[in-house]
Amino acid sequence: MITMATVSEYIEDNKEQFKNELFDFLNIPSISTDSEYKNNVKDAAYFLINKLESLNMDRVELFETEGNPIVYGELITDESKPTVLVYGHYDVQPPDPIDEWETPPFQPTVRDGDIYARGASDDKGQSYTHLKALEAYQKTDTDFPVNIKFIFEGEEEIGSPSLVPFIKDHKELLECDMVLISDTAMFAEDTPSITYGLRGLAYMQINVQGSNRDLHSGVYGGAVDNPANVLCNIISKLKDDDGIIQIPGFYDDVVELTEEDREAYKKLPFDEEEYKEKLGLEALKGEKGYSTLERTSARPTLDVNGLWSGYQGEGAKTVLPAKAGAKVSMRLVPNQDPKKTAKLFKEYVHSLAPDTVTVTVTEHHGGNPAITDLSFYGLQAAADAFEAVYHKEPFFTREGGSIPIVADFQKVLGAQSILMGFGLNSDAIHSPNEKFALKDFYRGIHTSAKFFELLPSHS
């Protein structure tokens, strides 16, 4: 008799093969932010197409877009069963700065039980778990318990410009009961958690233009306004000393934390001293009146992500820079709208700008915050699957990062998302030496397989 144990045994027996396949995937430098890697991004899409075609799907298709391709696959086992849409992304962040990597970013290496490579955790390693879970059912001739659809995009790291139009144009194709996403982190090592809330994002750029060229500071100093000084003055007025964002109207739509929310945060196993130690910090700083966990996941933020102006080479060069610039991100919480927030930001920055320079504000990409109903049956099945594999009851948490497409899935498809993350916040995603624990890659496959098994009984 074929049982779920057979599926688990298959996963255990094929760990090395699964790891080698993931390494092949990680070898591909699918950097979506740099057009020089466009062919590599397409290579990653075809890698997934080939893997899906090997899984005896009912349909596998690569959809071209104005940007990078969208990979789709589906297996319909029984129309009466729940349909799960698995979402992931095959594009990755640039690996810069290269010289800070201990091993080459696109030559995956295992050290101390962790896979080091760009994309290991974000999101190739995590999303690949679900393909291997399906394979375990198929290769053991075990009936797959649900209907499954896969959609992988190659533009997540640049704001998913092609995905939302695709979803709107293919609502019937993507119809589902829920979306399963593994692109988040567990609360801590060996401490499973399910993310039920994500912050949104509004990403902006400020450019300050002064004179028509860099000027000698001895000849022109004191006669013209310095764009670097102007920019620093503007940035200094975006927040006060208590971490309160000063943009008029910024907090108008913010949903405040309830007492129940705050009590739930207090129950999470968080060690602030250990947190500081791992970051190499003596003290933390954030919005007054809130805990560290509340600040990092349930409160809005504003931070400078990049800052440039003037001479930055070795030694001295006495110039007044003609230009200065900054990139600024705002993380948003439920009810905040990224477009409205961007407009408020522009208006406030322009109100601070003197007439001695020209200040322009550009809106880059953004995304809406999202919350999943804690009573949703898909979440309960995911929690039971985690407990069965990790032997611990998972926490339900909010996450400070943004996955804009989650809100779009909810808005366009009417589907709630299950954020079943297997990574850790210490995985250094977007940074040098990104990693993903090999044990969690394997446990992720087991958890995914268990989730599919349990889901029908929860519906």
Protein backbone atom coordinates (compact mmCIF):
# COMPACT_ATOMS: atom_id res chain seq x y z
CA MET A 1 0.00 0.00 0.00
CA ILE A 2 1.35 3.43 -0.96
CA THR A 3 1.24 5.88 1.95
CA MET A 4 2.49 9.32 2.84
CA ALA A 5 5.48 7.56 4.41
CA THR A 6 6.45 6.46 0.91
CA VAL A 7 6.54 10.10 -0.20
CA SER A 8 8.71 11.01 2.78
CA GLU A 9 11.06 8.11 2.08
CA TYR A 10 11.44 9.25 -1.51
CA ILE A 11 12.43 12.72 -0.32
CA GLU A 12 14.98 11.26 2.10
CA ASP A 13 16.41 8.91 -0.53
CA ASN A 14 16.86 11.69 -3.11
CA LYS A 15 18.34 14.50 -1.04
CA GLU A 16 21.63 14.55 -2.91
CA GLN A 17 19.91 14.68 -6.27
CA PHE A 18 17.64 17.52 -5.09
CA LYS A 19 20.68 19.46 -3.87
CA ASN A 20 22.51 18.98 -7.17
CA GLU A 21 19.49 20.22 -9.12
CA LEU A 22 19.24 23.28 -6.91
CA PHE A 23 22.94 23.95 -7.48
CA ASP A 24 22.33 23.87 -11.25
CA PHE A 25 19.57 26.43 -10.76
CA LEU A 26 21.77 28.62 -8.55
CA ASN A 27 24.58 28.51 -11.11
CA ILE A 28 22.48 30.68 -13.43
CA PRO A 29 23.13 34.43 -12.84
CA SER A 30 19.52 35.48 -13.44
CA ILE A 31 19.97 39.13 -12.41
CA SER A 32 16.88 41.03 -13.52
CA THR A 33 18.17 44.49 -12.58
CA ASP A 34 20.93 44.39 -15.20
CA SER A 35 20.04 44.06 -18.89
CA GLU A 36 23.40 42.41 -19.59
CA TYR A 37 22.04 39.29 -17.88
CA LYS A 38 18.79 39.10 -19.85
CA ASN A 39 19.80 35.83 -21.57
CA ASN A 40 20.75 34.34 -18.20
CA VAL A 41 17.34 35.27 -16.83
CA LYS A 42 15.74 33.44 -19.74
CA ASP A 43 18.00 30.44 -19.06
CA ALA A 44 16.56 30.27 -15.54
CA ALA A 45 13.03 30.34 -16.97
CA TYR A 46 13.83 27.42 -19.27
CA PHE A 47 15.39 25.53 -16.37
CA LEU A 48 11.99 25.64 -14.66
CA ILE A 49 10.14 24.79 -17.86
CA ASN A 50 12.27 21.65 -18.23
CA LYS A 51 11.66 20.64 -14.62
CA LEU A 52 7.90 21.14 -14.91
CA GLU A 53 7.78 19.15 -18.14
CA SER A 54 9.47 16.26 -16.32
CA LEU A 55 6.62 16.21 -13.76
CA ASN A 56 3.85 15.02 -16.10
CA MET A 57 1.87 18.22 -15.77
CA ASP A 58 -1.35 18.70 -17.74
CA ARG A 59 0.03 21.92 -19.15
CA VAL A 60 3.41 23.67 -19.15
CA GLU A 61 3.91 26.97 -20.95
CA LEU A 62 6.36 29.84 -21.15
CA PHE A 63 4.62 33.18 -21.64
CA GLU A 64 6.69 35.97 -23.16
CA THR A 65 6.11 39.46 -21.76
CA GLU A 66 7.52 42.90 -22.49
CA GLY A 67 10.06 42.02 -19.84
CA ASN A 68 11.14 38.57 -18.68
CA PRO A 69 9.14 35.37 -19.31
CA ILE A 70 6.50 33.96 -17.00
CA VAL A 71 6.65 30.21 -16.42
CA TYR A 72 3.36 28.36 -15.91
CA GLY A 73 2.39 24.77 -15.19
CA GLU A 74 -0.75 23.02 -13.95
CA LEU A 75 -1.93 19.63 -12.79
CA ILE A 76 -5.68 19.21 -12.25
CA THR A 77 -6.42 16.00 -10.35
CA ASP A 78 -10.04 16.56 -9.31
CA GLU A 79 -12.14 19.69 -9.82
CA SER A 80 -13.80 19.14 -6.43
CA LYS A 81 -10.47 19.43 -4.58
CA PRO A 82 -8.78 22.67 -3.52
CA THR A 83 -6.58 24.35 -6.11
CA VAL A 84 -3.25 25.76 -4.94
CA LEU A 85 -1.36 28.31 -7.01
CA VAL A 86 2.35 28.14 -6.15
CA TYR A 87 4.16 31.42 -6.80
CA GLY A 88 7.90 32.01 -6.88
CA HIS A 89 10.50 34.08 -8.68
CA TYR A 90 13.59 32.94 -10.52
CA ASP A 91 15.33 36.31 -10.79
CA VAL A 92 17.89 37.40 -8.22
CA GLN A 93 19.53 40.54 -6.88
CA PRO A 94 22.95 41.66 -8.12
CA PRO A 95 25.75 40.10 -6.05
CA ASP A 96 27.62 43.37 -5.43
CA PRO A 97 29.91 44.01 -3.67
CA ILE A 98 31.63 40.94 -5.14
CA ASP A 99 34.77 41.27 -3.02
CA GLU A 100 32.77 40.62 0.15
CA TRP A 101 31.72 37.12 -0.94
CA GLU A 102 33.78 34.33 0.60
CA THR A 103 32.99 32.12 -2.41
CA PRO A 104 31.74 33.14 -5.90
CA PRO A 105 28.03 34.09 -5.74
CA PHE A 106 27.01 31.84 -8.64
CA GLN A 107 29.10 28.85 -7.63
CA PRO A 108 27.00 27.38 -4.80
CA THR A 109 29.03 26.08 -1.89
CA VAL A 110 28.03 24.27 1.31
CA ARG A 111 29.72 25.49 4.49
CA ASP A 112 28.65 24.42 7.97
CA GLY A 113 25.39 23.04 6.64
CA ASP A 114 24.42 26.18 4.69
CA ILE A 115 24.23 26.67 0.92
CA TYR A 116 25.99 29.91 -0.03
CA ALA A 117 24.93 31.46 -3.34
CA ARG A 118 22.95 34.37 -4.69
CA GLY A 119 19.31 33.23 -4.79
CA ALA A 120 19.84 30.38 -2.33
CA SER A 121 17.13 31.71 -0.03
CA ASP A 122 15.61 34.46 -2.19
CA ASP A 123 13.92 32.71 -3.90
CA LYS A 124 15.30 29.79 -5.86
CA GLY A 125 15.94 27.46 -2.93
CA GLN A 126 12.64 28.11 -1.21
CA SER A 127 10.40 27.97 -4.29
CA TYR A 128 12.09 24.82 -5.59
CA THR A 129 10.86 22.86 -2.55
CA HIS A 130 7.34 22.69 -4.01
CA LEU A 131 8.43 21.18 -7.31
CA LYS A 132 10.30 18.48 -5.43
CA ALA A 133 7.28 17.81 -3.20
CA LEU A 134 5.14 17.20 -6.27
CA GLU A 135 7.86 14.97 -7.73
CA ALA A 136 7.87 12.85 -4.57
CA TYR A 137 4.18 12.08 -5.06
CA GLN A 138 4.54 11.33 -8.75
CA LYS A 139 7.64 9.17 -8.55
CA THR A 140 6.02 6.99 -5.88
CA ASP A 141 2.70 6.71 -7.77
CA THR A 142 0.96 8.41 -4.87
CA ASP A 143 -2.24 10.26 -5.79
CA PHE A 144 -1.63 13.98 -5.54
CA PRO A 145 -4.19 15.28 -3.00
CA VAL A 146 -5.01 18.67 -4.58
CA ASN A 147 -4.94 20.56 -7.86
CA ILE A 148 -1.76 22.55 -8.35
CA LYS A 149 -0.69 25.43 -10.56
CA PHE A 150 2.77 26.99 -10.71
CA ILE A 151 3.62 30.53 -11.74
CA PHE A 152 7.22 31.75 -11.67
CA GLU A 153 8.27 35.24 -12.71
CA GLY A 154 11.62 36.79 -13.55
CA GLU A 155 10.95 40.38 -12.45
CA GLU A 156 10.22 40.25 -8.72
CA GLU A 157 13.42 42.09 -7.88
CA ILE A 158 12.40 44.99 -10.13
CA GLY A 159 8.82 45.31 -8.89
CA SER A 160 7.01 42.68 -11.04
CA PRO A 161 5.97 45.10 -13.84
CA SER A 162 4.83 42.29 -16.16
CA LEU A 163 3.13 40.05 -13.61
CA VAL A 164 0.14 42.16 -12.60
CA PRO A 165 -0.98 42.71 -16.23
CA PHE A 166 -0.50 38.98 -16.81
CA ILE A 167 -2.68 38.08 -13.83
CA LYS A 168 -5.40 40.47 -14.97
CA ASP A 169 -5.30 39.02 -18.50
CA HIS A 170 -5.29 35.38 -17.30
CA LYS A 171 -7.70 35.38 -14.36
CA GLU A 172 -9.43 32.21 -15.53
CA LEU A 173 -6.15 30.37 -16.07
CA LEU A 174 -4.92 31.31 -12.59
CA GLU A 175 -8.19 30.70 -10.76
CA CYS A 176 -7.39 29.10 -7.42
CA ASP A 177 -8.46 28.71 -3.80
CA MET A 178 -5.19 30.05 -2.38
CA VAL A 179 -1.67 31.08 -3.29
CA LEU A 180 1.31 29.31 -1.71
CA ILE A 181 4.48 31.39 -1.46
CA SER A 182 7.83 30.49 0.07
CA ASP A 183 9.75 33.77 -0.02
CA THR A 184 9.72 34.74 3.65
CA ALA A 185 11.65 33.75 6.77
CA MET A 186 10.95 31.64 9.82
CA PHE A 187 11.02 33.48 13.11
CA ALA A 188 14.28 31.80 14.15
CA GLU A 189 16.34 28.69 13.52
CA ASP A 190 14.27 25.54 14.16
CA THR A 191 11.36 27.86 15.03
CA PRO A 192 8.78 27.60 12.24
CA SER A 193 6.45 30.49 11.62
CA ILE A 194 3.84 31.49 9.11
CA THR A 195 3.77 35.08 7.93
CA TYR A 196 0.24 36.47 7.80
CA GLY A 197 1.12 40.11 7.21
CA LEU A 198 3.52 41.95 4.89
CA ARG A 199 4.38 45.60 4.67
CA GLY A 200 3.98 47.53 1.46
CA LEU A 201 6.56 49.73 -0.22
CA ALA A 202 6.97 53.14 -1.80
CA TYR A 203 10.45 53.62 -3.30
CA MET A 204 11.57 57.11 -4.24
CA GLN A 205 14.57 59.00 -5.58
CA ILE A 206 15.57 62.60 -4.86
CA ASN A 207 17.88 64.48 -7.23
CA VAL A 208 19.28 67.90 -6.46
CA GLN A 209 20.86 69.91 -9.30
CA GLY A 210 22.89 73.03 -8.57
CA SER A 211 25.32 74.73 -10.92
CA ASN A 212 25.98 73.49 -14.44
CA ARG A 213 29.30 71.93 -13.35
CA ASP A 214 31.33 71.13 -10.24
CA LEU A 215 32.83 74.34 -8.84
CA HIS A 216 36.08 75.17 -7.08
CA SER A 217 35.20 75.48 -3.41
CA GLY A 218 37.69 78.28 -2.85
CA VAL A 219 36.44 80.40 -5.75
CA TYR A 220 32.69 79.80 -5.42
CA GLY A 221 32.25 78.70 -1.80
CA GLY A 222 29.87 81.06 -0.02
CA ALA A 223 28.30 82.27 -3.25
CA VAL A 224 26.20 79.30 -4.33
CA ASP A 225 24.12 76.70 -2.57
CA ASN A 226 25.72 73.27 -2.30
CA PRO A 227 23.43 70.43 -3.54
CA ALA A 228 24.98 68.03 -1.02
CA ASN A 229 24.16 70.39 1.84
CA VAL A 230 20.65 70.95 0.50
CA LEU A 231 20.01 67.21 0.24
CA CYS A 232 21.28 66.57 3.76
CA ASN A 233 18.98 69.30 5.06
CA ILE A 234 15.97 67.78 3.29
CA ILE A 235 16.74 64.28 4.58
CA SER A 236 17.19 65.57 8.13
CA LYS A 237 13.61 66.87 8.07
CA LEU A 238 11.98 63.60 6.96
CA LYS A 239 11.99 62.21 10.53
CA ASP A 240 12.34 63.74 13.97
CA ASP A 241 14.56 62.59 16.85
CA ASP A 242 11.84 60.17 18.04
CA GLY A 243 11.72 58.42 14.68
CA ILE A 244 8.37 59.99 13.77
CA ILE A 245 8.00 60.56 10.03
CA GLN A 246 7.27 64.25 9.42
CA ILE A 247 5.46 64.02 6.06
CA PRO A 248 2.03 65.63 6.53
CA GLY A 249 -0.74 63.03 6.26
CA PHE A 250 1.68 60.08 6.30
CA TYR A 251 -0.01 58.34 9.23
CA ASP A 252 -3.61 59.19 8.34
CA ASP A 253 -4.51 55.73 7.01
CA VAL A 254 -2.32 53.61 9.29
CA VAL A 255 -4.18 50.83 11.10
CA GLU A 256 -2.96 51.01 14.68
CA LEU A 257 -1.92 47.90 16.57
CA THR A 258 -4.55 46.56 18.96
CA GLU A 259 -3.76 45.49 22.51
CA GLU A 260 -4.22 41.90 21.33
CA ASP A 261 -1.66 42.48 18.58
CA ARG A 262 0.84 43.90 21.03
CA GLU A 263 0.34 41.06 23.50
CA ALA A 264 0.98 38.56 20.71
CA TYR A 265 4.27 40.29 19.91
CA LYS A 266 5.35 40.02 23.55
CA LYS A 267 4.93 36.23 23.43
CA LEU A 268 7.39 35.79 20.57
CA PRO A 269 10.79 34.36 21.64
CA PHE A 270 12.85 37.47 20.85
CA ASP A 271 16.18 38.25 22.55
CA GLU A 272 17.00 41.91 21.97
CA GLU A 273 20.53 41.61 23.36
CA GLU A 274 21.32 38.75 21.00
CA TYR A 275 19.75 40.74 18.15
CA LYS A 276 22.10 43.67 18.83
CA GLU A 277 25.11 41.42 19.20
CA LYS A 278 24.53 39.74 15.84
CA LEU A 279 24.31 43.16 14.19
CA GLY A 280 27.42 44.44 15.97
CA LEU A 281 25.44 47.29 17.58
CA GLU A 282 25.50 48.79 21.06
CA ALA A 283 21.98 50.22 20.82
CA LEU A 284 18.87 50.19 18.63
CA LYS A 285 16.89 53.12 17.29
CA GLY A 286 13.34 53.40 16.03
CA GLU A 287 9.91 54.94 16.41
CA LYS A 288 9.32 55.95 20.01
CA GLY A 289 6.66 53.98 21.87
CA TYR A 290 7.03 50.69 20.00
CA SER A 291 9.06 47.53 20.51
CA THR A 292 11.75 46.39 18.09
CA LEU A 293 9.54 43.66 16.61
CA GLU A 294 6.62 46.06 16.22
CA ARG A 295 8.86 48.58 14.48
CA THR A 296 10.28 46.03 12.06
CA SER A 297 7.05 44.43 10.95
CA ALA A 298 3.91 46.34 11.93
CA ARG A 299 4.85 50.01 11.80
CA PRO A 300 5.65 52.16 8.74
CA THR A 301 9.23 53.28 8.17
CA LEU A 302 11.28 55.70 6.08
CA ASP A 303 14.93 55.04 5.31
CA VAL A 304 17.65 56.32 3.00
CA ASN A 305 18.91 53.40 0.90
CA GLY A 306 21.56 55.23 -1.09
CA LEU A 307 23.28 58.60 -1.00
CA TRP A 308 25.75 60.18 -3.41
CA SER A 309 27.42 63.49 -4.25
CA GLY A 310 30.76 65.07 -4.92
CA TYR A 311 34.29 63.66 -4.98
CA GLN A 312 34.72 60.19 -3.50
CA GLY A 313 38.16 59.16 -4.69
CA GLU A 314 41.37 58.91 -2.70
CA GLY A 315 42.76 62.07 -1.18
CA ALA A 316 41.20 65.53 -1.42
CA LYS A 317 39.51 67.43 -4.22
CA THR A 318 38.08 70.79 -3.23
CA VAL A 319 34.88 71.01 -5.25
CA LEU A 320 31.30 72.08 -4.71
CA PRO A 321 29.35 69.23 -6.34
CA ALA A 322 26.87 70.15 -9.03
CA LYS A 323 24.61 67.24 -8.15
CA ALA A 324 23.44 65.17 -5.21
CA GLY A 325 21.01 62.28 -4.96
CA ALA A 326 19.37 59.83 -2.60
CA LYS A 327 17.17 56.77 -2.81
CA VAL A 328 14.52 56.48 -0.11
CA SER A 329 12.22 53.60 0.75
CA MET A 330 9.08 53.73 2.86
CA ARG A 331 7.66 50.48 4.23
CA LEU A 332 3.89 50.69 4.56
CA VAL A 333 1.33 48.96 6.77
CA PRO A 334 -2.33 48.02 6.19
CA ASN A 335 -4.51 50.73 4.64
CA GLN A 336 -1.54 52.80 3.45
CA ASP A 337 -1.53 53.24 -0.32
CA PRO A 338 1.87 53.40 -2.07
CA LYS A 339 0.68 55.87 -4.72
CA LYS A 340 -0.82 58.20 -2.16
CA THR A 341 2.28 57.91 0.02
CA ALA A 342 4.53 58.69 -2.95
CA LYS A 343 2.48 61.80 -3.70
CA LEU A 344 2.72 62.98 -0.09
CA PHE A 345 6.47 62.39 -0.14
CA LYS A 346 6.92 64.40 -3.35
CA GLU A 347 4.87 67.30 -2.05
CA TYR A 348 6.76 67.44 1.24
CA VAL A 349 10.22 67.25 -0.34
CA HIS A 350 9.32 69.99 -2.82
CA SER A 351 8.07 72.13 0.09
CA LEU A 352 11.54 71.83 1.67
CA ALA A 353 13.46 72.63 -1.51
CA PRO A 354 15.04 76.12 -1.75
CA ASP A 355 14.95 78.11 -5.00
CA THR A 356 18.76 78.05 -5.18
CA VAL A 357 18.74 74.53 -6.67
CA THR A 358 16.44 72.31 -8.73
CA VAL A 359 14.96 69.35 -6.87
CA THR A 360 13.22 66.48 -8.67
CA VAL A 361 11.52 63.53 -7.02
CA THR A 362 11.00 60.28 -8.93
CA GLU A 363 8.74 57.43 -7.93
CA HIS A 364 10.22 54.02 -8.63
CA HIS A 365 8.28 50.85 -7.81
CA GLY A 366 5.95 50.18 -4.92
CA GLY A 367 3.46 47.69 -3.56
CA ASN A 368 0.52 47.39 -1.23
CA PRO A 369 0.65 45.83 2.24
CA ALA A 370 -1.25 42.58 2.75
CA ILE A 371 -2.91 40.67 5.60
CA THR A 372 -4.23 37.10 5.52
CA ASP A 373 -7.19 36.09 7.68
CA LEU A 374 -5.84 33.98 10.55
CA SER A 375 -8.92 31.75 10.42
CA PHE A 376 -8.29 30.82 6.76
CA TYR A 377 -8.25 27.02 6.40
CA GLY A 378 -5.13 27.09 4.25
CA LEU A 379 -3.19 28.71 7.09
CA GLN A 380 -4.38 26.04 9.50
CA ALA A 381 -3.25 23.26 7.14
CA ALA A 382 0.13 24.97 6.76
CA ALA A 383 0.48 25.22 10.55
CA ASP A 384 -0.26 21.51 10.98
CA ALA A 385 2.24 20.65 8.24
CA PHE A 386 4.97 22.66 9.93
CA GLU A 387 4.24 21.04 13.28
CA ALA A 388 4.37 17.55 11.72
CA VAL A 389 7.81 18.17 10.21
CA TYR A 390 9.49 20.50 12.72
CA HIS A 391 7.75 19.00 15.78
CA LYS A 392 6.95 22.50 17.02
CA GLU A 393 3.79 24.54 16.85
CA PRO A 394 4.54 27.44 14.48
CA PHE A 395 4.16 31.09 15.35
CA PHE A 396 2.02 33.43 13.28
CA THR A 397 3.98 36.58 12.55
CA ARG A 398 4.09 39.68 10.41
CA GLU A 399 7.15 40.44 8.30
CA GLY A 400 8.75 43.77 7.61
CA GLY A 401 9.58 43.07 3.99
CA SER A 402 7.34 43.44 0.97
CA ILE A 403 6.02 41.00 -1.61
CA PRO A 404 3.79 43.38 -3.59
CA ILE A 405 2.22 40.61 -5.63
CA VAL A 406 0.49 39.19 -2.52
CA ALA A 407 -1.90 42.14 -2.45
CA ASP A 408 -2.42 41.82 -6.21
CA PHE A 409 -3.31 38.12 -5.92
CA GLN A 410 -5.89 39.06 -3.31
CA LYS A 411 -7.27 41.97 -5.33
CA VAL A 412 -7.34 40.38 -8.79
CA LEU A 413 -7.89 36.68 -8.05
CA GLY A 414 -9.68 37.03 -4.72
CA ALA A 415 -7.18 34.54 -3.29
CA GLN A 416 -5.49 34.73 0.08
CA SER A 417 -1.82 33.84 0.31
CA ILE A 418 -0.05 31.37 2.58
CA LEU A 419 3.46 32.58 3.26
CA MET A 420 5.26 29.37 4.15
CA GLY A 421 8.86 30.51 4.55
CA PHE A 422 11.77 28.18 5.29
CA GLY A 423 14.60 30.74 5.32
CA LEU A 424 15.94 32.89 8.13
CA ASN A 425 16.32 36.64 8.53
CA SER A 426 20.04 35.96 8.94
CA ASP A 427 20.27 34.47 5.43
CA ALA A 428 21.74 37.75 4.10
CA ILE A 429 19.33 38.02 1.18
CA HIS A 430 20.24 40.99 -1.05
CA SER A 431 23.67 41.02 0.64
CA PRO A 432 27.00 39.25 0.12
CA ASN A 433 27.18 35.63 1.30
CA GLU A 434 23.48 34.89 0.97
CA LYS A 435 22.75 31.44 2.37
CA PHE A 436 20.02 28.87 2.94
CA ALA A 437 20.26 26.03 5.45
CA LEU A 438 20.46 22.71 3.65
CA LYS A 439 18.37 21.08 6.39
CA ASP A 440 15.61 23.63 5.78
CA PHE A 441 15.71 23.02 2.05
CA TYR A 442 14.98 19.36 2.80
CA ARG A 443 12.48 20.12 5.58
CA GLY A 444 10.80 22.56 3.23
CA ILE A 445 10.17 19.76 0.75
CA HIS A 446 8.75 17.56 3.51
CA THR A 447 6.55 20.42 4.81
CA SER A 448 5.24 21.20 1.35
CA ALA A 449 4.36 17.54 0.75
CA LYS A 450 2.62 17.36 4.12
CA PHE A 451 0.69 20.55 3.43
CA PHE A 452 -0.71 19.12 0.20
CA GLU A 453 -1.71 15.97 2.05
CA LEU A 454 -3.50 17.80 4.89
CA LEU A 455 -5.19 20.57 2.89
CA PRO A 456 -8.30 18.63 1.70
CA SER A 457 -9.23 17.66 5.26
CA HIS A 458 -9.13 21.32 6.32
CA SER A 459 -11.29 22.66 3.48
